[in-house]
Amino acid sequence: MNVSDFDFVLPSHLIAQSPPSMREDARMLVLDRDGDIRAHTTVAALPEWLQSGDLLTLNDTRVVPARLLGRRVPSGGAVECLLLNRLGADRWDALVHPGQKLRVGERMRFQRHGRFIDADILECHFFGRRVVRLTADRHDDVDEVIELVGHVPLPPYIKRSDESKDRERYQTVYARVRGSIAAPTAGLHLTDGLLHTLVTGGVERVDVTLHVGYGTFKPVRTNLVEEHTVDPERYVIAERAAAALNVALIAGRRIVAVGTTTTRTLESASKHGRIESGEAVSDLFIRPGHHFSAVGGLLTNFHLP
């Protein structure tokens, strides 16, 4: 299957650079499985399209301000670092820019709000990937200083700098478990009020956790879809959540996933018709031809393949 089969025209003026003031005012297109359009509406109308007995599954991961902007030490050249995965107490897999100039042994400093973090490059890999060691000033907890120094890692198609309001707006209202470098964006349109309406209407809710990683930004560099790999991501499904999901599966009730990250979690954990609880890593690549064994409905954003 050629990657070019998925090419389409995406006018830049149709990509909103800021969200609507009310989350549920986001536009929603309702499609059936055959691709036929059922309605043009907004997310506020979601209760009209779900029914009593449906099980709505959410990804409760929380975005880390993992984008660091700073300077090389001692030259002062501008650098950028996106923290991807924690490898140890102070070691991180990271994506740096400019990638060709930053070599093993070099130091970067990221300073903001009177605090700073130093990053020493330990290993160099392709396409700007580096292994770095982070050290916080005053020898404080690195995670705490990242929260102060870091910027919200807005998606590449948002062509503006992050703002203070993005710290809240680029999180789902149910974000709980810190660990993602991007939001599970389908859930950004849901509110506490909307979720309450769904639950009181008989829709069951279950939360799972998948930490969104570099794969969400990673460009496709192959000509064939089958040759592309999607980076692995860690997920957790609690025993109670798995039990609720399995009850729904056995009863033939519809499981509706909010977002492709939730979908990846459920499809990865589905074994022999049941959802397995626990912590695992998913390398699942969902593409045309995939047989869905758990998910029966999907709320997702339109996005690049």
C-alpha atoms as a PDB file:
ATOM      1  CA  MET A   1       0.000   0.000   0.000  1.00  0.00           C
ATOM      2  CA  ASN A   2       1.520   3.318  -1.113  1.00  0.00           C
ATOM      3  CA  VAL A   3       1.759   6.189   1.357  1.00  0.00           C
ATOM      4  CA  SER A   4       0.774   8.481  -1.536  1.00  0.00           C
ATOM      5  CA  ASP A   5      -2.658   6.794  -1.559  1.00  0.00           C
ATOM      6  CA  PHE A   6      -3.422   8.865   1.520  1.00  0.00           C
ATOM      7  CA  ASP A   7      -2.395  12.246   0.068  1.00  0.00           C
ATOM      8  CA  PHE A   8      -5.007  14.979   0.271  1.00  0.00           C
ATOM      9  CA  VAL A   9      -5.183  18.754   0.085  1.00  0.00           C
ATOM     10  CA  LEU A  10      -5.071  20.360   3.531  1.00  0.00           C
ATOM     11  CA  PRO A  11      -5.596  24.145   3.277  1.00  0.00           C
ATOM     12  CA  SER A  12      -3.617  25.849   6.033  1.00  0.00           C
ATOM     13  CA  HIS A  13      -6.402  28.354   6.721  1.00  0.00           C
ATOM     14  CA  LEU A  14      -8.636  25.484   7.875  1.00  0.00           C
ATOM     15  CA  ILE A  15      -6.250  24.493  10.679  1.00  0.00           C
ATOM     16  CA  ALA A  16      -7.410  26.339  13.789  1.00  0.00           C
ATOM     17  CA  GLN A  17      -4.490  27.871  15.683  1.00  0.00           C
ATOM     18  CA  SER A  18      -6.476  28.294  18.893  1.00  0.00           C
ATOM     19  CA  PRO A  19      -9.340  26.212  20.289  1.00  0.00           C
ATOM     20  CA  PRO A  20     -12.929  27.485  20.657  1.00  0.00           C
ATOM     21  CA  SER A  21     -13.660  29.202  23.950  1.00  0.00           C
ATOM     22  CA  MET A  22     -16.012  26.366  24.912  1.00  0.00           C
ATOM     23  CA  ARG A  23     -14.567  22.884  24.501  1.00  0.00           C
ATOM     24  CA  GLU A  24     -17.808  21.230  23.389  1.00  0.00           C
ATOM     25  CA  ASP A  25     -18.339  23.834  20.637  1.00  0.00           C
ATOM     26  CA  ALA A  26     -15.818  21.995  18.441  1.00  0.00           C
ATOM     27  CA  ARG A  27     -17.433  20.838  15.212  1.00  0.00           C
ATOM     28  CA  MET A  28     -18.265  17.144  14.893  1.00  0.00           C
ATOM     29  CA  LEU A  29     -18.931  15.084  11.781  1.00  0.00           C
ATOM     30  CA  VAL A  30     -20.886  11.880  12.388  1.00  0.00           C
ATOM     31  CA  LEU A  31     -20.106   9.005  10.011  1.00  0.00           C
ATOM     32  CA  ASP A  32     -21.293   5.417   9.855  1.00  0.00           C
ATOM     33  CA  ARG A  33     -18.998   2.465   9.172  1.00  0.00           C
ATOM     34  CA  ASP A  34     -19.475   2.809   5.412  1.00  0.00           C
ATOM     35  CA  GLY A  35     -18.293   6.417   5.499  1.00  0.00           C
ATOM     36  CA  ASP A  36     -21.729   7.894   4.878  1.00  0.00           C
ATOM     37  CA  ILE A  37     -22.307  11.243   6.586  1.00  0.00           C
ATOM     38  CA  ARG A  38     -25.017  11.138   9.237  1.00  0.00           C
ATOM     39  CA  ALA A  39     -24.765  14.685  10.582  1.00  0.00           C
ATOM     40  CA  HIS A  40     -22.772  17.910  10.797  1.00  0.00           C
ATOM     41  CA  THR A  41     -22.999  19.014  14.414  1.00  0.00           C
ATOM     42  CA  THR A  42     -20.857  19.821  17.469  1.00  0.00           C
ATOM     43  CA  VAL A  43     -19.393  17.739  20.278  1.00  0.00           C
ATOM     44  CA  ALA A  44     -22.094  19.144  22.563  1.00  0.00           C
ATOM     45  CA  ALA A  45     -24.502  16.840  20.695  1.00  0.00           C
ATOM     46  CA  LEU A  46     -22.521  13.698  21.566  1.00  0.00           C
ATOM     47  CA  PRO A  47     -25.238  12.425  23.981  1.00  0.00           C
ATOM     48  CA  GLU A  48     -27.597  12.203  20.989  1.00  0.00           C
ATOM     49  CA  TRP A  49     -25.267   9.733  19.278  1.00  0.00           C
ATOM     50  CA  LEU A  50     -24.404   7.505  22.223  1.00  0.00           C
ATOM     51  CA  GLN A  51     -26.923   5.245  23.886  1.00  0.00           C
ATOM     52  CA  SER A  52     -27.557   3.723  27.283  1.00  0.00           C
ATOM     53  CA  GLY A  53     -25.272   0.735  27.707  1.00  0.00           C
ATOM     54  CA  ASP A  54     -22.408   2.135  25.656  1.00  0.00           C
ATOM     55  CA  LEU A  55     -19.039   2.098  27.399  1.00  0.00           C
ATOM     56  CA  LEU A  56     -17.038   5.282  26.806  1.00  0.00           C
ATOM     57  CA  THR A  57     -13.294   4.747  27.261  1.00  0.00           C
ATOM     58  CA  LEU A  58     -10.949   7.678  27.947  1.00  0.00           C
ATOM     59  CA  ASN A  59      -7.169   8.073  28.099  1.00  0.00           C
ATOM     60  CA  ASP A  60      -6.335   9.873  31.350  1.00  0.00           C
ATOM     61  CA  THR A  61      -2.688  10.639  30.547  1.00  0.00           C
ATOM     62  CA  ARG A  62      -1.398  14.114  31.393  1.00  0.00           C
ATOM     63  CA  VAL A  63       0.907  16.180  29.158  1.00  0.00           C
ATOM     64  CA  VAL A  64       4.338  17.114  30.482  1.00  0.00           C
ATOM     65  CA  PRO A  65       5.733  20.547  29.467  1.00  0.00           C
ATOM     66  CA  ALA A  66       8.465  18.611  27.677  1.00  0.00           C
ATOM     67  CA  ARG A  67       9.588  21.276  25.188  1.00  0.00           C
ATOM     68  CA  LEU A  68      12.710  23.031  26.451  1.00  0.00           C
ATOM     69  CA  LEU A  69      14.046  26.210  24.831  1.00  0.00           C
ATOM     70  CA  GLY A  70      17.526  27.399  25.705  1.00  0.00           C
ATOM     71  CA  ARG A  71      21.162  28.019  24.769  1.00  0.00           C
ATOM     72  CA  ARG A  72      24.332  26.051  24.157  1.00  0.00           C
ATOM     73  CA  VAL A  73      26.977  26.393  26.853  1.00  0.00           C
ATOM     74  CA  PRO A  74      29.216  28.340  26.513  1.00  0.00           C
ATOM     75  CA  SER A  75      28.597  29.566  22.919  1.00  0.00           C
ATOM     76  CA  GLY A  76      25.065  30.816  23.532  1.00  0.00           C
ATOM     77  CA  GLY A  77      23.541  29.452  20.317  1.00  0.00           C
ATOM     78  CA  ALA A  78      19.792  28.811  20.430  1.00  0.00           C
ATOM     79  CA  VAL A  79      18.736  25.185  20.975  1.00  0.00           C
ATOM     80  CA  GLU A  80      15.517  23.263  21.435  1.00  0.00           C
ATOM     81  CA  CYS A  81      15.011  19.927  23.169  1.00  0.00           C
ATOM     82  CA  LEU A  82      11.894  17.759  23.304  1.00  0.00           C
ATOM     83  CA  LEU A  83      12.000  15.166  26.075  1.00  0.00           C
ATOM     84  CA  LEU A  84      10.639  11.878  24.719  1.00  0.00           C
ATOM     85  CA  ASN A  85      11.208   9.048  27.190  1.00  0.00           C
ATOM     86  CA  ARG A  86      12.784   8.739  30.592  1.00  0.00           C
ATOM     87  CA  LEU A  87      15.571   6.148  30.526  1.00  0.00           C
ATOM     88  CA  GLY A  88      16.673   6.417  34.145  1.00  0.00           C
ATOM     89  CA  ALA A  89      16.685   8.739  37.128  1.00  0.00           C
ATOM     90  CA  ASP A  90      18.363  11.546  35.181  1.00  0.00           C
ATOM     91  CA  ARG A  91      18.745  10.176  31.618  1.00  0.00           C
ATOM     92  CA  TRP A  92      16.288  10.935  28.822  1.00  0.00           C
ATOM     93  CA  ASP A  93      15.744  10.055  25.202  1.00  0.00           C
ATOM     94  CA  ALA A  94      15.310  13.436  23.505  1.00  0.00           C
ATOM     95  CA  LEU A  95      14.881  15.133  20.147  1.00  0.00           C
ATOM     96  CA  VAL A  96      17.150  18.165  19.738  1.00  0.00           C
ATOM     97  CA  HIS A  97      17.502  21.010  17.248  1.00  0.00           C
ATOM     98  CA  PRO A  98      19.796  21.822  15.518  1.00  0.00           C
ATOM     99  CA  GLY A  99      20.529  18.100  15.484  1.00  0.00           C
ATOM    100  CA  GLN A 100      23.648  18.154  13.315  1.00  0.00           C
ATOM    101  CA  LYS A 101      25.510  20.591  15.552  1.00  0.00           C
ATOM    102  CA  LEU A 102      24.884  19.102  18.977  1.00  0.00           C
ATOM    103  CA  ARG A 103      27.403  16.365  19.752  1.00  0.00           C
ATOM    104  CA  VAL A 104      28.417  14.139  22.656  1.00  0.00           C
ATOM    105  CA  GLY A 105      29.884  16.126  25.532  1.00  0.00           C
ATOM    106  CA  GLU A 106      28.072  19.365  24.756  1.00  0.00           C
ATOM    107  CA  ARG A 107      25.862  21.084  27.284  1.00  0.00           C
ATOM    108  CA  MET A 108      22.588  22.941  26.857  1.00  0.00           C
ATOM    109  CA  ARG A 109      20.963  25.199  29.438  1.00  0.00           C
ATOM    110  CA  PHE A 110      17.230  25.854  29.634  1.00  0.00           C
ATOM    111  CA  GLN A 111      16.305  28.814  31.794  1.00  0.00           C
ATOM    112  CA  ARG A 112      12.921  30.325  32.639  1.00  0.00           C
ATOM    113  CA  HIS A 113      11.189  31.978  35.583  1.00  0.00           C
ATOM    114  CA  GLY A 114      14.509  32.276  37.429  1.00  0.00           C
ATOM    115  CA  ARG A 115      15.239  28.528  37.319  1.00  0.00           C
ATOM    116  CA  PHE A 116      17.253  26.363  34.931  1.00  0.00           C
ATOM    117  CA  ILE A 117      18.029  22.813  33.845  1.00  0.00           C
ATOM    118  CA  ASP A 118      21.296  21.684  32.237  1.00  0.00           C
ATOM    119  CA  ALA A 119      21.298  18.888  29.662  1.00  0.00           C
ATOM    120  CA  ASP A 120      24.547  17.084  28.821  1.00  0.00           C
ATOM    121  CA  ILE A 121      24.584  15.029  25.612  1.00  0.00           C
ATOM    122  CA  LEU A 122      25.635  11.424  26.278  1.00  0.00           C
ATOM    123  CA  GLU A 123      24.770   9.690  22.991  1.00  0.00           C
ATOM    124  CA  CYS A 124      24.007  10.748  19.404  1.00  0.00           C
ATOM    125  CA  HIS A 125      21.485   8.994  17.150  1.00  0.00           C
ATOM    126  CA  PHE A 126      19.852   9.686  13.776  1.00  0.00           C
ATOM    127  CA  PHE A 127      17.328  12.426  12.959  1.00  0.00           C
ATOM    128  CA  GLY A 128      18.195  14.605  15.961  1.00  0.00           C
ATOM    129  CA  ARG A 129      17.699  11.914  18.592  1.00  0.00           C
ATOM    130  CA  ARG A 130      19.991  12.185  21.615  1.00  0.00           C
ATOM    131  CA  VAL A 131      20.392  10.673  25.050  1.00  0.00           C
ATOM    132  CA  VAL A 132      20.824  13.484  27.573  1.00  0.00           C
ATOM    133  CA  ARG A 133      21.479  13.774  31.291  1.00  0.00           C
ATOM    134  CA  LEU A 134      19.383  16.419  33.043  1.00  0.00           C
ATOM    135  CA  THR A 135      20.562  18.291  36.114  1.00  0.00           C
ATOM    136  CA  ALA A 136      18.364  20.803  37.906  1.00  0.00           C
ATOM    137  CA  ASP A 137      19.726  23.929  39.544  1.00  0.00           C
ATOM    138  CA  ARG A 138      19.991  23.797  43.334  1.00  0.00           C
ATOM    139  CA  HIS A 139      20.006  19.986  42.851  1.00  0.00           C
ATOM    140  CA  ASP A 140      16.222  20.037  43.148  1.00  0.00           C
ATOM    141  CA  ASP A 141      13.886  17.416  41.725  1.00  0.00           C
ATOM    142  CA  VAL A 142      14.195  17.504  37.925  1.00  0.00           C
ATOM    143  CA  ASP A 143      10.486  16.879  37.340  1.00  0.00           C
ATOM    144  CA  GLU A 144       9.529  19.888  39.454  1.00  0.00           C
ATOM    145  CA  VAL A 145      11.887  22.178  37.541  1.00  0.00           C
ATOM    146  CA  ILE A 146      10.687  20.823  34.172  1.00  0.00           C
ATOM    147  CA  GLU A 147       7.200  21.974  35.167  1.00  0.00           C
ATOM    148  CA  LEU A 148       8.590  25.499  35.677  1.00  0.00           C
ATOM    149  CA  VAL A 149      11.052  25.697  32.789  1.00  0.00           C
ATOM    150  CA  GLY A 150       9.294  23.627  30.131  1.00  0.00           C
ATOM    151  CA  HIS A 151       6.913  24.761  27.412  1.00  0.00           C
ATOM    152  CA  VAL A 152       3.733  23.046  26.265  1.00  0.00           C
ATOM    153  CA  PRO A 153       4.686  20.814  23.281  1.00  0.00           C
ATOM    154  CA  LEU A 154       2.023  22.026  20.877  1.00  0.00           C
ATOM    155  CA  PRO A 155       1.667  19.979  17.657  1.00  0.00           C
ATOM    156  CA  PRO A 156       3.774  21.012  14.629  1.00  0.00           C
ATOM    157  CA  TYR A 157       0.685  22.242  12.761  1.00  0.00           C
ATOM    158  CA  ILE A 158       0.079  24.905  15.421  1.00  0.00           C
ATOM    159  CA  LYS A 159       2.203  27.760  14.097  1.00  0.00           C
ATOM    160  CA  ARG A 160       2.346  29.907  17.229  1.00  0.00           C
ATOM    161  CA  SER A 161       4.249  29.978  20.474  1.00  0.00           C
ATOM    162  CA  ASP A 162       2.674  28.370  23.488  1.00  0.00           C
ATOM    163  CA  GLU A 163       0.839  30.633  25.934  1.00  0.00           C
ATOM    164  CA  SER A 164       0.127  30.318  29.629  1.00  0.00           C
ATOM    165  CA  LYS A 165      -3.483  29.302  28.931  1.00  0.00           C
ATOM    166  CA  ASP A 166      -2.240  26.281  26.951  1.00  0.00           C
ATOM    167  CA  ARG A 167      -1.065  24.685  30.204  1.00  0.00           C
ATOM    168  CA  GLU A 168      -4.717  24.042  31.016  1.00  0.00           C
ATOM    169  CA  ARG A 169      -6.316  24.045  27.585  1.00  0.00           C
ATOM    170  CA  TYR A 170      -3.926  21.461  26.113  1.00  0.00           C
ATOM    171  CA  GLN A 171      -4.977  18.966  28.786  1.00  0.00           C
ATOM    172  CA  THR A 172      -8.168  16.951  28.913  1.00  0.00           C
ATOM    173  CA  VAL A 173     -10.390  17.781  31.884  1.00  0.00           C
ATOM    174  CA  TYR A 174      -9.758  14.256  33.165  1.00  0.00           C
ATOM    175  CA  ALA A 175      -5.951  14.250  32.696  1.00  0.00           C
ATOM    176  CA  ARG A 176      -4.474  12.537  35.736  1.00  0.00           C
ATOM    177  CA  VAL A 177      -1.305  10.507  35.067  1.00  0.00           C
ATOM    178  CA  ARG A 178       1.735  12.577  34.083  1.00  0.00           C
ATOM    179  CA  GLY A 179       3.751  11.207  31.163  1.00  0.00           C
ATOM    180  CA  SER A 180       2.751  12.325  27.636  1.00  0.00           C
ATOM    181  CA  ILE A 181       4.523  14.660  25.227  1.00  0.00           C
ATOM    182  CA  ALA A 182       1.266  15.332  23.374  1.00  0.00           C
ATOM    183  CA  ALA A 183      -2.356  15.410  24.404  1.00  0.00           C
ATOM    184  CA  PRO A 184      -4.799  12.664  23.433  1.00  0.00           C
ATOM    185  CA  THR A 185      -6.493  15.396  21.435  1.00  0.00           C
ATOM    186  CA  ALA A 186      -9.907  13.829  20.830  1.00  0.00           C
ATOM    187  CA  GLY A 187     -10.601  14.211  24.535  1.00  0.00           C
ATOM    188  CA  LEU A 188      -9.864  17.941  24.546  1.00  0.00           C
ATOM    189  CA  HIS A 189     -13.456  18.606  23.448  1.00  0.00           C
ATOM    190  CA  LEU A 190     -15.095  16.895  26.422  1.00  0.00           C
ATOM    191  CA  THR A 191     -16.168  18.731  29.573  1.00  0.00           C
ATOM    192  CA  ASP A 192     -17.100  17.572  33.049  1.00  0.00           C
ATOM    193  CA  GLY A 193     -20.679  18.620  32.332  1.00  0.00           C
ATOM    194  CA  LEU A 194     -20.851  16.663  29.093  1.00  0.00           C
ATOM    195  CA  LEU A 195     -19.389  13.556  30.730  1.00  0.00           C
ATOM    196  CA  HIS A 196     -21.918  13.891  33.565  1.00  0.00           C
ATOM    197  CA  THR A 197     -24.767  14.084  31.047  1.00  0.00           C
ATOM    198  CA  LEU A 198     -23.532  10.927  29.335  1.00  0.00           C
ATOM    199  CA  VAL A 199     -23.196   8.972  32.586  1.00  0.00           C
ATOM    200  CA  THR A 200     -26.621  10.011  33.872  1.00  0.00           C
ATOM    201  CA  GLY A 201     -28.011   8.921  30.505  1.00  0.00           C
ATOM    202  CA  GLY A 202     -26.738   5.391  31.019  1.00  0.00           C
ATOM    203  CA  VAL A 203     -23.348   5.569  29.308  1.00  0.00           C
ATOM    204  CA  GLU A 204     -20.663   3.852  31.379  1.00  0.00           C
ATOM    205  CA  ARG A 205     -17.204   5.421  31.655  1.00  0.00           C
ATOM    206  CA  VAL A 206     -13.822   3.721  31.996  1.00  0.00           C
ATOM    207  CA  ASP A 207     -10.355   5.307  32.082  1.00  0.00           C
ATOM    208  CA  VAL A 208      -7.156   3.737  30.762  1.00  0.00           C
ATOM    209  CA  THR A 209      -3.687   5.265  30.452  1.00  0.00           C
ATOM    210  CA  LEU A 210      -1.415   5.438  27.417  1.00  0.00           C
ATOM    211  CA  HIS A 211       1.450   7.919  27.428  1.00  0.00           C
ATOM    212  CA  VAL A 212       1.647   9.563  24.011  1.00  0.00           C
ATOM    213  CA  GLY A 213       5.189   9.481  22.638  1.00  0.00           C
ATOM    214  CA  TYR A 214       7.293  10.634  19.707  1.00  0.00           C
ATOM    215  CA  GLY A 215       5.312   8.514  17.263  1.00  0.00           C
ATOM    216  CA  THR A 216       2.589  11.153  17.229  1.00  0.00           C
ATOM    217  CA  PHE A 217       5.069  13.625  15.644  1.00  0.00           C
ATOM    218  CA  LYS A 218       7.244  11.150  13.763  1.00  0.00           C
ATOM    219  CA  PRO A 219       7.086  11.772   9.994  1.00  0.00           C
ATOM    220  CA  VAL A 220       6.495   8.917   7.572  1.00  0.00           C
ATOM    221  CA  ARG A 221       9.733   8.495   5.621  1.00  0.00           C
ATOM    222  CA  THR A 222       8.838   5.347   3.662  1.00  0.00           C
ATOM    223  CA  ASN A 223       7.002   4.920   0.359  1.00  0.00           C
ATOM    224  CA  LEU A 224       5.038   1.885   1.501  1.00  0.00           C
ATOM    225  CA  VAL A 225       2.704   1.969   4.489  1.00  0.00           C
ATOM    226  CA  GLU A 226       3.845  -1.493   5.578  1.00  0.00           C
ATOM    227  CA  GLU A 227       7.458  -0.306   5.899  1.00  0.00           C
ATOM    228  CA  HIS A 228       6.617   2.442   8.391  1.00  0.00           C
ATOM    229  CA  THR A 229       6.942   1.670  12.079  1.00  0.00           C
ATOM    230  CA  VAL A 230       5.001   3.337  14.863  1.00  0.00           C
ATOM    231  CA  ASP A 231       7.002   3.951  18.020  1.00  0.00           C
ATOM    232  CA  PRO A 232       6.046   1.807  21.030  1.00  0.00           C
ATOM    233  CA  GLU A 233       4.056   3.447  23.816  1.00  0.00           C
ATOM    234  CA  ARG A 234       3.468   2.283  27.371  1.00  0.00           C
ATOM    235  CA  TYR A 235      -0.072   1.754  28.607  1.00  0.00           C
ATOM    236  CA  VAL A 236      -1.815   0.667  31.806  1.00  0.00           C
ATOM    237  CA  ILE A 237      -5.263  -0.867  32.251  1.00  0.00           C
ATOM    238  CA  ALA A 238      -6.400  -1.311  35.840  1.00  0.00           C
ATOM    239  CA  GLU A 239      -8.112  -4.560  36.863  1.00  0.00           C
ATOM    240  CA  ARG A 240     -11.363  -2.725  37.537  1.00  0.00           C
ATOM    241  CA  ALA A 241     -11.289  -1.087  34.092  1.00  0.00           C
ATOM    242  CA  ALA A 242     -10.536  -4.396  32.364  1.00  0.00           C
ATOM    243  CA  ALA A 243     -13.398  -6.059  34.229  1.00  0.00           C
ATOM    244  CA  ALA A 244     -15.866  -3.398  33.081  1.00  0.00           C
ATOM    245  CA  LEU A 245     -14.622  -3.665  29.500  1.00  0.00           C
ATOM    246  CA  ASN A 246     -14.948  -7.450  29.523  1.00  0.00           C
ATOM    247  CA  VAL A 247     -18.484  -7.303  30.906  1.00  0.00           C
ATOM    248  CA  ALA A 248     -19.381  -5.001  28.008  1.00  0.00           C
ATOM    249  CA  LEU A 249     -17.716  -7.285  25.452  1.00  0.00           C
ATOM    250  CA  ILE A 250     -19.487 -10.391  26.756  1.00  0.00           C
ATOM    251  CA  ALA A 251     -22.837  -8.577  26.720  1.00  0.00           C
ATOM    252  CA  GLY A 252     -22.282  -7.319  23.183  1.00  0.00           C
ATOM    253  CA  ARG A 253     -22.404  -3.686  24.270  1.00  0.00           C
ATOM    254  CA  ARG A 254     -20.624  -1.045  22.226  1.00  0.00           C
ATOM    255  CA  ILE A 255     -17.226   0.155  23.424  1.00  0.00           C
ATOM    256  CA  VAL A 256     -16.599   3.713  22.220  1.00  0.00           C
ATOM    257  CA  ALA A 257     -12.975   4.861  22.328  1.00  0.00           C
ATOM    258  CA  VAL A 258     -12.148   8.537  22.706  1.00  0.00           C
ATOM    259  CA  GLY A 259      -9.143   8.961  20.437  1.00  0.00           C
ATOM    260  CA  THR A 260      -6.683   6.779  18.598  1.00  0.00           C
ATOM    261  CA  THR A 261      -4.497   6.430  21.705  1.00  0.00           C
ATOM    262  CA  THR A 262      -7.373   4.795  23.562  1.00  0.00           C
ATOM    263  CA  THR A 263      -8.070   2.666  20.498  1.00  0.00           C
ATOM    264  CA  ARG A 264      -4.445   1.521  20.365  1.00  0.00           C
ATOM    265  CA  THR A 265      -4.588   0.630  24.049  1.00  0.00           C
ATOM    266  CA  LEU A 266      -7.749  -1.445  23.807  1.00  0.00           C
ATOM    267  CA  GLU A 267      -6.799  -3.239  20.604  1.00  0.00           C
ATOM    268  CA  SER A 268      -3.351  -4.037  22.014  1.00  0.00           C
ATOM    269  CA  ALA A 269      -4.788  -5.409  25.248  1.00  0.00           C
ATOM    270  CA  SER A 270      -7.464  -7.494  23.516  1.00  0.00           C
ATOM    271  CA  LYS A 271      -6.454 -11.160  23.649  1.00  0.00           C
ATOM    272  CA  HIS A 272      -8.802 -13.990  22.674  1.00  0.00           C
ATOM    273  CA  GLY A 273     -11.882 -11.817  23.038  1.00  0.00           C
ATOM    274  CA  ARG A 274     -10.943 -10.354  26.417  1.00  0.00           C
ATOM    275  CA  ILE A 275      -9.157  -7.229  27.640  1.00  0.00           C
ATOM    276  CA  GLU A 276      -6.103  -8.024  29.734  1.00  0.00           C
ATOM    277  CA  SER A 277      -5.306  -5.774  32.685  1.00  0.00           C
ATOM    278  CA  GLY A 278      -1.831  -4.616  33.637  1.00  0.00           C
ATOM    279  CA  GLU A 279       1.031  -2.567  32.243  1.00  0.00           C
ATOM    280  CA  ALA A 280       2.476  -3.266  28.803  1.00  0.00           C
ATOM    281  CA  VAL A 281       4.032  -1.652  25.736  1.00  0.00           C
ATOM    282  CA  SER A 282       2.135  -1.362  22.456  1.00  0.00           C
ATOM    283  CA  ASP A 283       3.808  -1.365  19.056  1.00  0.00           C
ATOM    284  CA  LEU A 284       0.489  -1.843  17.251  1.00  0.00           C
ATOM    285  CA  PHE A 285       0.186  -0.109  13.877  1.00  0.00           C
ATOM    286  CA  ILE A 286      -3.491   0.197  12.928  1.00  0.00           C
ATOM    287  CA  ARG A 287      -3.916   0.547   9.177  1.00  0.00           C
ATOM    288  CA  PRO A 288      -6.493  -0.473   6.541  1.00  0.00           C
ATOM    289  CA  GLY A 289      -7.313  -4.142   6.959  1.00  0.00           C
ATOM    290  CA  HIS A 290      -7.029  -4.165  10.756  1.00  0.00           C
ATOM    291  CA  HIS A 291      -9.776  -6.231  12.391  1.00  0.00           C
ATOM    292  CA  PHE A 292     -11.090  -4.446  15.471  1.00  0.00           C
ATOM    293  CA  SER A 293     -11.675  -6.874  18.310  1.00  0.00           C
ATOM    294  CA  ALA A 294     -12.647  -4.448  21.080  1.00  0.00           C
ATOM    295  CA  VAL A 295     -13.556  -1.003  19.759  1.00  0.00           C
ATOM    296  CA  GLY A 296     -17.012  -0.524  18.255  1.00  0.00           C
ATOM    297  CA  GLY A 297     -17.094   3.267  17.998  1.00  0.00           C
ATOM    298  CA  LEU A 298     -14.538   6.064  17.810  1.00  0.00           C
ATOM    299  CA  LEU A 299     -14.469   9.772  18.574  1.00  0.00           C
ATOM    300  CA  THR A 300     -11.369  11.162  16.881  1.00  0.00           C
ATOM    301  CA  ASN A 301      -9.992  14.327  15.365  1.00  0.00           C
ATOM    302  CA  PHE A 302      -9.295  14.664  11.674  1.00  0.00           C
ATOM    303  CA  HIS A 303      -5.523  14.517  11.363  1.00  0.00           C
ATOM    304  CA  LEU A 304      -2.690  13.522   9.095  1.00  0.00           C
ATOM    305  CA  PRO A 305      -2.412   9.751   8.496  1.00  0.00           C
END
